[in-house]
Amino acid sequence: ARRAGARERFDARIAEMERTGLLPGAKSPYLKDYAERWLEEYRLNVKPTTYRTRAGRIHACMEVIGCVRLTDLTPDHVRQCMRVLSKRLAPSTLKDHFVSLKMMLDQAELEELIPVDPCRRVRPPRVEPTETRILSPDQPKQLIEAVPNRGAKRRGPALTVDVDESWMLLFELAFAAGMREGERYALMPYELEQRDGVPGINVQQQIQQYGKPEDAVIPAWLKAEHLYGILWLTTPKTHAAHRFVPISTSLWQRLWARVKRLDIGPRELIFTNSRGNPVRSSTERHNWNKALKAAGLPPVTIHSARHWTASMTARANMPDDARTAIMGHTSISMTNHYTHRDTASLAALLDRAIPDLHDERDVIDAQVIEEGK
C-alpha cells in the first residue's frame, strides 16, 4: 500500500510537471497553466503590490488566450488578446498588459518551451503620454490655508484643530519635501533629524497596502511589519528613496510641536486618523479635493504635488544630482518626467539666453487688427 501511495504521488508530480511545462518532451502546457507557475516564481522576487498588479494583468490575458497551448501561440493570438482587452482598458493599462504577457513569454523562450516569444512580432499598443496638471508656484499655499474652511464633518474623539493641522502638515510635506504618500503616512519622530545644523527628514520607511496578514505573501527578503488591516510598514520604494530631505525651520518646529503636544513616541506615527490608525489615501484624497474646492483651485491629484516639487527645483536651476537626490529617484530621466516648466520661468530663461536682435529705434507703430472686425 505504501508503494502504491508513493507511485500515486510520483504520477501526480509528473502530471503537474507536464501540465506546467517543466517536463521536456511532454505535451506543451496550456498558457493558463504555465502562467500560474510563472506567477508563483515571480511572486518571490517582487513586492506584494507589484505582484498583485502583474497577476491581475496576466489573469486578464489568460481569460482571452489561456486555453491555447504554449507551442500553438501565434502573434495573431497576442493581437486578438490586445483587441479584446482594448474595449475596456485605457491605452496605458493595455500596454502594461502587453508588457506583462511579454515578460512571461520571454521566460518561456529562455526555458526553450517555445522557439521565440510571439510578442516580439507584435507592435505594442500605442500610448500617447498624458500631461500631469500641476498647481502654479503660489497655489499650494492657498490650498493649505483653505484646509480649515473645507467644511469637513467631525469624526471620532480627535479635536478638529488636530485634524485640520494634520492635513495642513501632510499637504505641506507633499509640496515642500516632495514626499510620496506612503512616506508621509509612515512619518515617525525618529526620522526628523538635524544634519550639520540643517533640519530635515531622513526618509526610511513607507506604508503600503499588502493585504491582510492571512492573505499577504511577504517574500523573505522584504522587511515588512503589519500595522493594521491591509496596511504594512515597509522599506522605501527603492534604494534611492532612502534619503535626507532638508525642510524649513518653520515646518520642523510645527512638526515637533505636534509630536510634543500629542505625546507621540519616537517610533509612533505622527499622523493617524481619529481612531489612531494609519492615514488612508482615500481619506486624504477626500480632504484634498475639499480643500481644492474651498480654495477655488483646479482639480489636481495629490501625486501632482511631487511633480510640483520637481518643477520648482528646476525653476530654481538646482543641479540635476541634487534634484534627483531630493526626489528619491534612481535617475535624472525620471526626475525630468516629473518636471513641468511654467511659461514665466521659460520666458525668463529665454530672455537671459537670447540677446536683443532688434534695434529699438526701428520700432514701427503697428495697428492691431482685432478678430472679427
Protein backbone atom coordinates (compact mmCIF):
# COMPACT_ATOMS: atom_id res chain seq x y z
CA ALA A 1 0.00 0.00 0.00
CA ARG A 2 2.90 2.30 0.82
CA ARG A 3 4.43 1.67 -2.61
CA ALA A 4 1.08 2.33 -4.30
CA GLY A 5 0.80 5.65 -2.44
CA ALA A 6 4.33 6.65 -3.43
CA ARG A 7 3.61 5.70 -7.05
CA GLU A 8 0.43 7.80 -6.96
CA ARG A 9 2.33 10.80 -5.63
CA PHE A 10 5.03 10.33 -8.29
CA ASP A 11 2.43 10.13 -11.07
CA ALA A 12 0.70 13.25 -9.73
CA ARG A 13 4.01 15.12 -9.67
CA ILE A 14 4.81 14.07 -13.25
CA ALA A 15 1.32 15.14 -14.36
CA GLU A 16 1.82 18.53 -12.67
CA MET A 17 5.22 18.96 -14.36
CA GLU A 18 3.68 18.10 -17.72
CA ARG A 19 0.81 20.49 -17.09
CA THR A 20 3.05 23.48 -16.34
CA GLY A 21 5.71 22.71 -18.94
CA LEU A 22 8.53 21.60 -16.62
CA LEU A 23 8.97 18.23 -18.30
CA PRO A 24 10.93 18.32 -21.57
CA GLY A 25 9.40 16.37 -24.43
CA ALA A 26 5.95 16.28 -22.80
CA LYS A 27 2.89 17.87 -24.38
CA SER A 28 3.09 21.66 -24.44
CA PRO A 29 1.21 23.19 -21.46
CA TYR A 30 -1.83 25.39 -21.79
CA LEU A 31 -0.91 29.04 -21.47
CA LYS A 32 -3.04 29.46 -18.30
CA ASP A 33 -1.21 26.58 -16.57
CA TYR A 34 2.20 27.94 -17.50
CA ALA A 35 1.06 31.39 -16.27
CA GLU A 36 0.31 30.01 -12.79
CA ARG A 37 3.80 28.51 -12.49
CA TRP A 38 5.41 31.71 -13.79
CA LEU A 39 3.45 33.86 -11.30
CA GLU A 40 4.38 31.55 -8.42
CA GLU A 41 8.08 32.12 -9.15
CA TYR A 42 7.59 35.84 -9.88
CA ARG A 43 5.86 36.34 -6.52
CA LEU A 44 9.07 35.51 -4.64
CA ASN A 45 11.09 38.24 -6.36
CA VAL A 46 8.80 41.29 -6.16
CA LYS A 47 6.89 43.31 -3.58
CA PRO A 48 3.27 42.21 -2.90
CA THR A 49 1.79 45.31 -4.62
CA THR A 50 3.87 44.67 -7.77
CA TYR A 51 2.79 41.01 -7.76
CA ARG A 52 -0.89 41.92 -7.32
CA THR A 53 -0.82 44.28 -10.31
CA ARG A 54 1.13 41.87 -12.54
CA ALA A 55 -1.04 38.87 -11.60
CA GLY A 56 -4.17 40.89 -12.45
CA ARG A 57 -2.74 41.73 -15.88
CA ILE A 58 -1.70 38.13 -16.61
CA HIS A 59 -5.07 36.71 -15.49
CA ALA A 60 -6.93 39.18 -17.75
CA CYS A 61 -4.82 37.98 -20.72
CA MET A 62 -5.45 34.34 -19.75
CA GLU A 63 -9.23 34.88 -19.89
CA VAL A 64 -8.78 35.56 -23.59
CA ILE A 65 -5.96 33.20 -24.69
CA GLY A 66 -5.36 30.92 -21.67
CA CYS A 67 -6.74 27.83 -23.43
CA VAL A 68 -4.14 27.95 -26.23
CA ARG A 69 -1.19 25.57 -25.85
CA LEU A 70 2.12 27.37 -25.46
CA THR A 71 3.62 25.98 -28.69
CA ASP A 72 0.45 26.85 -30.67
CA LEU A 73 0.56 30.51 -29.65
CA THR A 74 0.97 32.91 -32.58
CA PRO A 75 1.36 36.70 -32.93
CA ASP A 76 -2.29 36.70 -34.06
CA HIS A 77 -3.37 35.32 -30.67
CA VAL A 78 -1.49 38.16 -28.96
CA ARG A 79 -3.11 40.75 -31.28
CA GLN A 80 -6.55 39.27 -30.64
CA CYS A 81 -5.93 39.38 -26.87
CA MET A 82 -4.99 43.09 -27.09
CA ARG A 83 -8.04 43.83 -29.29
CA VAL A 84 -10.44 42.21 -26.81
CA LEU A 85 -8.87 43.94 -23.79
CA SER A 86 -8.70 47.33 -25.56
CA LYS A 87 -12.51 47.52 -25.45
CA ARG A 88 -12.44 48.01 -21.67
CA LEU A 89 -8.96 49.31 -20.84
CA ALA A 90 -7.19 52.67 -21.07
CA PRO A 91 -4.25 52.63 -23.54
CA SER A 92 -1.56 52.85 -20.81
CA THR A 93 -3.16 49.96 -18.87
CA LEU A 94 -3.46 47.93 -22.07
CA LYS A 95 0.24 48.44 -22.79
CA ASP A 96 1.07 47.17 -19.31
CA HIS A 97 -0.96 44.02 -20.04
CA PHE A 98 1.14 43.53 -23.18
CA VAL A 99 4.38 44.11 -21.23
CA SER A 100 3.26 41.57 -18.58
CA LEU A 101 2.43 38.94 -21.21
CA LYS A 102 5.79 39.56 -22.91
CA MET A 103 7.69 39.14 -19.62
CA MET A 104 6.07 35.75 -19.13
CA LEU A 105 6.62 34.56 -22.71
CA ASP A 106 10.25 35.78 -22.68
CA GLN A 107 10.76 33.36 -19.80
CA ALA A 108 9.10 30.53 -21.77
CA GLU A 109 11.54 31.29 -24.62
CA LEU A 110 14.51 31.21 -22.18
CA GLU A 111 13.28 27.84 -20.92
CA GLU A 112 13.18 26.69 -24.58
CA LEU A 113 9.49 25.80 -24.30
CA ILE A 114 8.91 27.99 -27.40
CA PRO A 115 11.42 28.94 -30.12
CA VAL A 116 10.58 32.66 -29.95
CA ASP A 117 8.25 34.88 -27.91
CA PRO A 118 5.39 35.82 -30.32
CA CYS A 119 5.11 39.25 -28.62
CA ARG A 120 8.35 40.20 -30.39
CA ARG A 121 6.42 40.09 -33.67
CA VAL A 122 3.59 42.29 -32.42
CA ARG A 123 3.67 46.07 -32.20
CA PRO A 124 2.95 47.13 -28.58
CA PRO A 125 -0.31 49.08 -28.01
CA ARG A 126 0.17 52.77 -28.70
CA VAL A 127 0.12 55.17 -25.75
CA GLU A 128 0.02 58.95 -26.02
CA PRO A 129 1.75 60.47 -22.98
CA THR A 130 -0.65 62.41 -20.77
CA GLU A 131 0.49 65.61 -19.11
CA THR A 132 0.07 65.77 -15.32
CA ARG A 133 -1.63 69.01 -14.35
CA ILE A 134 0.14 70.83 -11.51
CA LEU A 135 -0.59 73.91 -9.42
CA SER A 136 1.22 77.19 -10.19
CA PRO A 137 4.06 78.29 -7.82
CA ASP A 138 1.83 80.27 -5.42
CA GLN A 139 -1.23 77.96 -5.35
CA PRO A 140 -0.10 75.27 -2.82
CA LYS A 141 -0.07 77.97 -0.10
CA GLN A 142 -3.71 78.81 -0.97
CA LEU A 143 -4.62 75.10 -0.83
CA ILE A 144 -3.04 74.62 2.63
CA GLU A 145 -4.65 77.78 4.00
CA ALA A 146 -8.08 76.58 2.76
CA VAL A 147 -7.92 73.34 4.82
CA PRO A 148 -9.85 74.71 7.87
CA ASN A 149 -12.60 76.05 5.52
CA ARG A 150 -13.11 72.78 3.65
CA GLY A 151 -16.37 72.01 5.50
CA ALA A 152 -15.24 68.70 6.99
CA LYS A 153 -17.51 66.74 9.32
CA ARG A 154 -16.03 65.92 12.69
CA ARG A 155 -15.49 62.19 13.31
CA GLY A 156 -14.21 60.43 16.42
CA PRO A 157 -12.55 61.83 19.54
CA ALA A 158 -9.74 63.83 17.84
CA LEU A 159 -10.03 67.62 18.12
CA THR A 160 -10.95 69.45 14.92
CA VAL A 161 -7.82 71.62 15.28
CA ASP A 162 -5.57 68.50 15.38
CA VAL A 163 -7.31 67.03 12.33
CA ASP A 164 -7.03 70.30 10.37
CA GLU A 165 -3.39 70.63 11.37
CA SER A 166 -2.59 67.06 10.30
CA TRP A 167 -3.96 67.67 6.77
CA MET A 168 -2.18 71.03 6.53
CA LEU A 169 1.12 69.42 7.54
CA LEU A 170 0.63 66.38 5.27
CA PHE A 171 -0.09 68.62 2.27
CA GLU A 172 2.87 70.86 3.10
CA LEU A 173 5.20 67.82 3.27
CA ALA A 174 3.91 66.73 -0.15
CA PHE A 175 4.88 70.07 -1.71
CA ALA A 176 7.87 71.22 0.38
CA ALA A 177 9.64 67.85 0.70
CA GLY A 178 8.19 66.06 -2.35
CA MET A 179 7.45 63.02 -0.19
CA ARG A 180 5.41 60.14 -1.60
CA GLU A 181 2.04 59.34 0.02
CA GLY A 182 3.23 56.20 1.82
CA GLU A 183 6.36 58.01 3.07
CA ARG A 184 4.27 60.81 4.61
CA TYR A 185 1.78 58.42 6.24
CA ALA A 186 4.70 56.45 7.79
CA LEU A 187 6.48 59.52 9.22
CA MET A 188 7.75 58.98 12.79
CA PRO A 189 9.65 61.40 15.09
CA TYR A 190 12.90 59.39 14.83
CA GLU A 191 13.05 60.33 11.12
CA LEU A 192 13.18 64.04 12.00
CA GLU A 193 16.91 64.75 12.10
CA GLN A 194 19.30 67.68 12.12
CA ARG A 195 22.41 67.27 9.99
CA ASP A 196 25.13 69.96 10.15
CA GLY A 197 22.53 72.14 11.86
CA VAL A 198 20.08 71.60 8.96
CA PRO A 199 16.61 70.31 9.93
CA GLY A 200 15.21 67.62 7.67
CA ILE A 201 13.57 64.24 7.24
CA ASN A 202 15.59 61.06 6.92
CA VAL A 203 13.07 59.09 4.83
CA GLN A 204 13.50 55.47 5.93
CA GLN A 205 10.08 53.83 5.58
CA GLN A 206 6.68 53.87 3.91
CA ILE A 207 3.21 52.40 4.45
CA GLN A 208 1.89 50.07 1.75
CA GLN A 209 -1.31 48.06 1.22
CA TYR A 210 -0.02 44.47 1.14
CA GLY A 211 -3.25 42.81 2.29
CA LYS A 212 -4.46 41.11 5.47
CA PRO A 213 -1.77 39.06 7.29
CA GLU A 214 -3.50 35.78 6.44
CA ASP A 215 -3.57 36.63 2.70
CA ALA A 216 -0.36 38.60 2.13
CA VAL A 217 2.69 36.70 0.89
CA ILE A 218 5.75 38.66 2.05
CA PRO A 219 8.96 37.45 0.33
CA ALA A 220 11.78 36.53 2.74
CA TRP A 221 14.00 39.41 1.53
CA LEU A 222 11.35 42.11 2.14
CA LYS A 223 11.27 43.84 5.52
CA ALA A 224 7.61 44.49 6.33
CA GLU A 225 5.72 44.77 9.61
CA HIS A 226 1.93 44.52 9.80
CA LEU A 227 0.30 47.69 11.17
CA TYR A 228 -3.46 47.48 10.77
CA GLY A 229 -5.96 45.88 8.37
CA ILE A 230 -4.24 45.64 4.98
CA LEU A 231 -1.54 48.22 5.88
CA TRP A 232 2.12 47.34 6.40
CA LEU A 233 5.18 49.37 7.41
CA THR A 234 8.00 48.63 4.98
CA THR A 235 11.22 49.98 3.47
CA PRO A 236 11.19 52.85 0.92
CA LYS A 237 10.29 52.20 -2.73
CA THR A 238 13.91 51.88 -3.94
CA HIS A 239 17.43 52.25 -2.52
CA ALA A 240 17.46 55.87 -3.79
CA ALA A 241 14.18 56.60 -1.98
CA HIS A 242 16.06 56.29 1.33
CA ARG A 243 17.18 59.93 1.51
CA PHE A 244 17.61 63.02 3.68
CA VAL A 245 15.33 65.91 2.64
CA PRO A 246 16.03 69.32 4.24
CA ILE A 247 12.91 71.22 5.39
CA SER A 248 12.31 74.78 6.63
CA THR A 249 12.84 75.60 10.31
CA SER A 250 9.17 76.63 10.46
CA LEU A 251 7.91 73.22 9.21
CA TRP A 252 10.38 71.43 11.50
CA GLN A 253 9.15 73.35 14.57
CA ARG A 254 5.48 72.76 13.73
CA LEU A 255 6.08 69.01 13.33
CA TRP A 256 7.89 68.85 16.70
CA ALA A 257 5.17 70.96 18.38
CA ARG A 258 2.61 68.36 17.22
CA VAL A 259 4.80 65.47 18.43
CA LYS A 260 5.18 67.05 21.90
CA ARG A 261 1.55 68.20 22.24
CA LEU A 262 0.13 64.78 21.33
CA ASP A 263 2.91 62.93 23.23
CA ILE A 264 3.94 60.89 20.16
CA GLY A 265 6.72 58.36 20.86
CA PRO A 266 9.89 58.20 18.66
CA ARG A 267 8.56 55.18 16.74
CA GLU A 268 4.89 56.12 16.66
CA LEU A 269 3.08 57.60 13.67
CA ILE A 270 2.91 61.41 13.61
CA PHE A 271 -0.28 61.26 11.50
CA THR A 272 -3.17 58.93 12.32
CA ASN A 273 -6.93 59.02 11.76
CA SER A 274 -9.44 59.74 14.54
CA ARG A 275 -9.24 56.10 15.69
CA GLY A 276 -5.44 56.18 15.96
CA ASN A 277 -4.91 54.05 12.84
CA PRO A 278 -2.68 54.97 9.85
CA VAL A 279 -3.95 57.54 7.35
CA ARG A 280 -5.60 56.05 4.25
CA SER A 281 -5.04 57.53 0.79
CA SER A 282 -8.81 57.61 0.12
CA THR A 283 -9.33 59.82 3.21
CA GLU A 284 -6.50 62.14 2.22
CA ARG A 285 -7.89 62.38 -1.33
CA HIS A 286 -11.33 63.32 0.06
CA ASN A 287 -9.86 66.13 2.22
CA TRP A 288 -7.52 67.27 -0.56
CA ASN A 289 -10.40 67.66 -3.02
CA LYS A 290 -12.49 69.55 -0.43
CA ALA A 291 -9.59 71.96 0.23
CA LEU A 292 -9.01 72.48 -3.53
CA LYS A 293 -12.68 73.35 -3.92
CA ALA A 294 -12.67 75.70 -0.91
CA ALA A 295 -9.61 77.50 -2.36
CA GLY A 296 -11.18 77.70 -5.83
CA LEU A 297 -8.24 75.81 -7.37
CA PRO A 298 -8.26 73.46 -10.39
CA PRO A 299 -8.72 69.74 -9.71
CA VAL A 300 -5.24 68.17 -9.48
CA THR A 301 -4.16 64.84 -7.95
CA ILE A 302 -2.23 64.52 -4.68
CA HIS A 303 0.64 62.90 -6.59
CA SER A 304 0.91 66.09 -8.69
CA ALA A 305 2.48 67.71 -5.59
CA ARG A 306 5.62 65.65 -6.28
CA HIS A 307 5.58 66.95 -9.86
CA TRP A 308 5.27 70.48 -8.42
CA THR A 309 8.37 69.92 -6.22
CA ALA A 310 10.42 68.63 -9.18
CA SER A 311 9.27 71.58 -11.29
CA MET A 312 10.12 74.16 -8.61
CA THR A 313 13.64 72.71 -8.15
CA ALA A 314 14.15 73.02 -11.92
CA ARG A 315 12.84 76.60 -11.80
CA ALA A 316 15.49 77.40 -9.19
CA ASN A 317 18.19 75.93 -11.50
CA MET A 318 19.10 73.31 -8.91
CA PRO A 319 21.77 70.89 -10.27
CA ASP A 320 20.47 67.56 -11.61
CA ASP A 321 22.14 65.39 -8.97
CA ALA A 322 20.59 67.46 -6.16
CA ARG A 323 17.11 67.32 -7.74
CA THR A 324 17.31 63.53 -8.17
CA ALA A 325 18.51 63.12 -4.56
CA ILE A 326 15.65 65.20 -3.13
CA MET A 327 13.02 63.38 -5.20
CA GLY A 328 14.47 59.97 -4.27
CA HIS A 329 14.63 58.92 -7.93
CA THR A 330 17.17 56.48 -9.36
CA SER A 331 17.78 58.59 -12.50
CA ILE A 332 17.52 62.18 -13.74
CA SER A 333 15.31 60.97 -16.61
CA MET A 334 12.61 60.04 -14.05
CA THR A 335 13.01 63.43 -12.31
CA ASN A 336 12.68 65.13 -15.70
CA HIS A 337 9.47 63.15 -16.34
CA TYR A 338 8.15 64.85 -13.17
CA THR A 339 9.26 68.31 -14.30
CA HIS A 340 6.87 70.76 -15.95
CA ARG A 341 8.32 74.15 -16.90
CA ASP A 342 5.92 77.05 -16.38
CA THR A 343 5.72 79.76 -19.06
CA ALA A 344 7.08 82.55 -16.82
CA SER A 345 10.28 80.65 -15.92
CA LEU A 346 10.79 79.59 -19.58
CA ALA A 347 10.38 83.23 -20.70
CA ALA A 348 12.89 84.43 -18.08
CA LEU A 349 15.44 81.77 -19.07
CA LEU A 350 15.00 82.52 -22.78
CA ASP A 351 15.28 86.24 -22.08
CA ARG A 352 18.67 85.66 -20.43
CA ALA A 353 19.83 83.29 -23.18
CA ILE A 354 18.87 85.23 -26.35
CA PRO A 355 20.50 88.64 -26.95
CA ASP A 356 18.42 91.55 -28.28
CA LEU A 357 18.12 91.01 -32.02
CA HIS A 358 16.28 94.19 -32.84
CA ASP A 359 17.17 97.88 -32.63
CA GLU A 360 14.57 99.72 -30.53
CA ARG A 361 14.89 102.83 -32.77
CA ASP A 362 13.29 100.91 -35.64
CA VAL A 363 10.02 100.36 -33.80
CA ILE A 364 7.05 100.64 -36.12
CA ASP A 365 3.63 101.54 -34.79
CA ALA A 366 1.65 98.54 -35.88
CA GLN A 367 -2.10 98.70 -35.78
CA VAL A 368 -3.52 95.63 -34.11
CA ILE A 369 -6.45 94.29 -36.09
CA GLU A 370 -8.90 92.66 -33.73
CA GLU A 371 -10.54 89.38 -34.65
CA GLY A 372 -13.97 89.61 -36.24
CA LYS A 373 -13.66 93.22 -37.48
